[in-house]
Protein backbone atom coordinates (compact mmCIF):
# COMPACT_ATOMS: atom_id res chain seq x y z
CA MET A 1 242.00 -17.86 27.14
CA GLU A 2 240.81 -15.73 24.24
CA ARG A 3 239.64 -17.45 21.10
CA GLY A 4 241.12 -16.41 17.75
CA THR A 5 239.06 -15.35 14.77
CA ASP A 6 237.27 -18.28 13.25
CA PHE A 7 235.94 -17.63 9.79
CA CYS A 8 233.51 -20.53 10.06
CA ASP A 9 231.54 -18.67 12.75
CA SER A 10 228.49 -16.87 11.52
CA VAL A 11 228.49 -13.10 11.31
CA PRO A 12 226.23 -11.52 13.93
CA ASP A 13 223.05 -9.83 12.76
CA ARG A 14 223.56 -6.77 14.93
CA ILE A 15 226.34 -4.99 16.78
CA PRO A 16 226.09 -5.27 20.57
CA GLY A 17 225.16 -2.02 22.32
CA SER A 18 228.20 -2.03 24.61
CA LEU A 19 230.57 -2.34 21.67
CA LEU A 20 228.73 0.35 19.78
CA ALA A 21 228.79 2.72 22.77
CA GLU A 22 232.51 2.18 23.30
CA PHE A 23 233.74 2.63 19.71
CA GLN A 24 231.04 4.66 17.95
CA HIS A 25 232.66 8.10 18.27
CA ARG A 26 236.07 6.86 17.13
CA ALA A 27 234.60 4.86 14.25
CA VAL A 28 232.58 7.82 12.99
CA ARG A 29 235.66 10.03 13.16
CA GLU A 30 237.79 7.50 11.24
CA VAL A 31 235.16 7.06 8.55
CA ARG A 32 234.84 10.84 8.09
CA ARG A 33 238.61 11.22 7.92
CA SER A 34 239.06 8.40 5.40
CA CYS A 35 236.21 9.70 3.22
CA ARG A 36 237.65 13.20 3.30
CA SER A 37 241.23 12.28 2.45
CA SER A 38 240.51 9.38 0.15
CA PRO A 39 240.54 11.19 -3.24
CA ARG A 40 243.66 13.12 -2.31
CA ALA A 41 245.44 10.02 -1.09
CA ARG A 42 244.51 8.09 -4.21
CA ALA A 43 245.72 10.91 -6.46
CA LEU A 44 249.08 11.23 -4.68
CA ALA A 45 249.71 7.53 -4.08
CA PRO A 46 251.84 6.89 -7.21
CA PHE A 47 254.15 9.81 -6.39
CA ARG A 48 254.90 8.54 -2.90
CA SER A 49 256.57 5.42 -4.24
CA THR A 50 260.34 5.64 -4.59
CA ASP A 51 260.22 3.14 -7.45
CA VAL A 52 258.26 5.59 -9.59
CA TRP A 53 260.76 8.38 -8.97
CA LEU A 54 263.74 6.12 -9.61
CA ALA A 55 262.25 4.78 -12.84
CA GLY A 56 261.46 8.32 -14.02
CA LEU A 57 264.95 9.54 -13.19
CA THR A 58 266.56 6.57 -14.94
CA LEU A 59 264.45 7.06 -18.05
CA PHE A 60 265.15 10.80 -18.13
CA CYS A 61 268.92 10.33 -17.77
CA SER A 62 268.99 7.58 -20.40
CA LEU A 63 267.06 9.66 -22.92
CA ALA A 64 269.20 12.73 -22.23
CA THR A 65 272.37 10.69 -22.75
CA ILE A 66 271.09 9.16 -25.99
CA LEU A 67 270.03 12.54 -27.35
CA ALA A 68 273.39 14.07 -26.40
CA LEU A 69 275.27 11.28 -28.18
CA LEU A 70 273.10 11.61 -31.30
CA GLY A 71 273.61 15.36 -31.27
CA ALA A 72 277.37 14.88 -30.97
CA VAL A 73 277.41 12.51 -33.94
CA VAL A 74 275.33 14.91 -36.05
CA TYR A 75 277.52 17.87 -35.06
CA ALA A 76 280.71 15.95 -35.85
CA THR A 77 279.27 14.87 -39.20
CA VAL A 78 278.42 18.47 -40.10
CA LEU A 79 281.88 19.71 -39.13
CA TRP A 80 283.86 16.86 -40.64
CA PRO A 81 281.89 14.75 -43.17
CA ARG A 82 284.51 12.00 -43.14
CA ILE A 83 283.90 11.43 -39.44
CA SER A 84 280.54 9.89 -40.29
CA LEU A 85 282.39 7.01 -41.95
CA LEU A 86 284.48 6.54 -38.83
CA VAL A 87 281.52 6.63 -36.42
CA MET A 88 278.50 5.41 -38.36
CA THR A 89 280.06 2.49 -40.27
CA PRO A 90 280.98 0.47 -37.14
CA ALA A 91 277.62 1.31 -35.55
CA ILE A 92 275.70 0.10 -38.60
CA ALA A 93 277.89 -3.01 -38.85
CA LEU A 94 277.34 -3.87 -35.17
CA PHE A 95 273.59 -3.41 -35.59
CA ALA A 96 273.55 -5.70 -38.63
CA VAL A 97 275.59 -8.39 -36.86
CA SER A 98 273.40 -8.25 -33.74
CA LEU A 99 270.25 -8.46 -35.89
CA LEU A 100 271.58 -11.53 -37.71
CA ILE A 101 272.51 -13.20 -34.40
CA ALA A 102 269.06 -12.45 -32.97
CA LEU A 103 267.29 -13.88 -36.04
CA ASN A 104 269.48 -16.99 -36.01
CA THR A 105 268.93 -17.55 -32.29
CA ARG A 106 265.19 -17.03 -32.63
CA SER A 107 264.89 -19.57 -35.44
CA ARG A 108 266.92 -22.10 -33.42
CA TRP A 109 264.80 -21.57 -30.31
CA ARG A 110 261.57 -21.90 -32.27
CA SER A 111 262.67 -25.16 -33.84
CA GLY A 112 263.68 -26.46 -30.41
CA GLY A 113 260.28 -25.68 -28.95
CA VAL A 114 261.49 -23.15 -26.42
CA TRP A 115 259.06 -20.53 -27.72
C-alpha cells in the first residue's frame, strides 16, 4: 500500500540518483519550455478569458447606445427646439426625484447604523 504525501515528513537533502536518471531529461525539457513561453503566456493570459471579452463587449455596446441616444436628443433639439422640453424635462425631473430618494434613503440607513 502506497503512502500519501505527508507534509510533516522532512524534505530530503538530495534527490536519489535513480529518480534523477529517470526524470532528468523530461524535467529539463519542461523547464526550458516553461521559461521560453512564460513571458508570452503571461502577456496573453488576460485575453484568453471569456469574462474579459464579455465585459469589454458589454461596455462597448452600452457606451455606443448611450452616445447614440444623446446624439438623437441633440439632433432632435436642433431640428425642433420645443422637443427639448418634451424629452429633457421628464429626464431632469426623474433624475431629481431619484437623487432625493437616494439622499433620503442614505440618511435613514446611516441613522439606523446600517452603514
